[in-house]
Protein backbone atom coordinates (compact mmCIF):
# COMPACT_ATOMS: atom_id res chain seq x y z
CA MET A 1 -1.93 13.13 1.76
CA THR A 2 -3.07 9.52 0.89
CA ILE A 3 -0.71 6.49 0.28
CA LEU A 4 -1.04 3.31 -1.47
CA ALA A 5 0.73 0.00 -0.76
CA VAL A 6 0.40 -1.64 -4.29
CA PHE A 7 1.11 -5.34 -4.66
CA ARG A 8 0.19 -7.99 -7.52
CA SER A 9 -0.84 -10.34 -5.00
CA ARG A 10 -4.30 -9.93 -3.24
CA ALA A 11 -3.17 -12.72 -0.50
CA GLN A 12 0.08 -10.31 -0.08
CA THR A 13 -1.79 -7.28 0.08
CA LEU A 14 -4.49 -8.34 2.70
CA GLY A 15 -1.63 -9.82 4.70
CA TYR A 16 0.23 -6.68 5.01
CA LEU A 17 -3.01 -4.85 5.42
CA ALA A 18 -3.19 -7.01 8.44
CA GLU A 19 0.49 -6.22 9.64
CA VAL A 20 -0.11 -2.34 9.20
CA ARG A 21 -3.14 -2.50 11.56
CA ALA A 22 -1.65 -4.89 13.82
CA ALA A 23 0.88 -2.20 14.45
CA GLY A 24 -1.62 0.00 15.47
CA PHE A 25 -2.17 2.57 12.35
CA PRO A 26 -5.37 2.92 10.45
CA ALA A 27 -5.32 1.54 6.77
CA GLN A 28 -7.86 0.10 4.57
CA ALA A 29 -8.21 -2.02 1.33
CA VAL A 30 -9.05 -0.15 -1.73
CA SER A 31 -9.54 -0.77 -5.33
CA THR A 32 -6.09 -0.28 -7.09
CA PRO A 33 -5.94 2.44 -9.51
CA LYS A 34 -4.97 2.55 -13.17
CA GLU A 35 -2.42 4.92 -12.70
CA ALA A 36 -0.43 2.01 -10.77
CA GLY A 37 -0.52 -0.02 -13.96
CA VAL A 38 0.01 -3.11 -11.78
CA GLY A 39 -2.01 -4.77 -9.28
CA CYS A 40 -4.35 -7.39 -7.89
CA GLY A 41 -7.37 -5.11 -7.77
CA ILE A 42 -6.46 -4.21 -3.91
CA SER A 43 -4.39 -2.08 -2.38
CA ALA A 44 -3.55 -1.04 1.27
CA LYS A 45 -4.47 2.78 1.80
CA PHE A 46 -3.06 4.81 4.77
CA GLU A 47 -2.17 8.48 5.40
CA GLU A 48 1.14 9.47 4.70
CA ARG A 49 2.35 10.71 8.28
CA PHE A 50 2.85 6.78 8.42
CA LEU A 51 4.60 6.08 5.89
CA PRO A 52 8.02 5.70 7.48
CA ARG A 53 6.44 2.99 9.91
CA ALA A 54 4.75 1.43 6.61
CA ARG A 55 8.23 0.98 5.07
CA ALA A 56 9.47 -0.76 8.13
CA LEU A 57 6.91 -3.45 7.95
CA LEU A 58 7.47 -3.80 4.40
CA ALA A 59 11.18 -4.24 5.09
CA ARG A 60 10.49 -7.26 7.65
CA ARG A 61 9.15 -9.62 5.27
CA SER A 62 9.67 -10.80 1.75
CA TYR A 63 6.69 -9.30 0.15
CA THR A 64 7.92 -10.43 -3.40
CA SER A 65 4.66 -8.98 -5.31
CA PHE A 66 4.99 -5.23 -3.78
CA ALA A 67 4.93 -3.03 -6.86
CA GLY A 68 5.83 0.20 -4.84
CA PHE A 69 4.02 3.19 -3.17
CA PHE A 70 1.95 5.97 -4.91
CA ARG A 71 0.93 9.51 -3.64
CA ALA A 72 -2.54 10.78 -4.03
CA THR A 73 -2.67 13.80 -6.24
CA LYS A 74 -5.38 16.03 -7.73
CA GLY A 75 -4.55 14.20 -11.25
CA GLY A 76 -4.67 11.02 -9.63
CA TYR A 77 -1.54 8.54 -8.26
CA ILE A 78 2.26 8.83 -8.96
CA PRO A 79 4.80 6.84 -7.45
CA LEU A 80 6.96 7.63 -4.65
């Protein structure tokens, strides 16, 4: 499954994305879906198997604009 890390700040999204990539797992910037109801327009997208590592990276810094993780479903995205 696909996971999105949604932020309210483009700068924090891009900073988090760089940190995730530096940690060695693939991620990409994607448009934030309407279902998230928040956002700056871009989110970090990665595979669910990396979620524990993604959460650990998130906890290391103060990402004040973090809005949550969302899981892809057939009907859209749902919050975790």
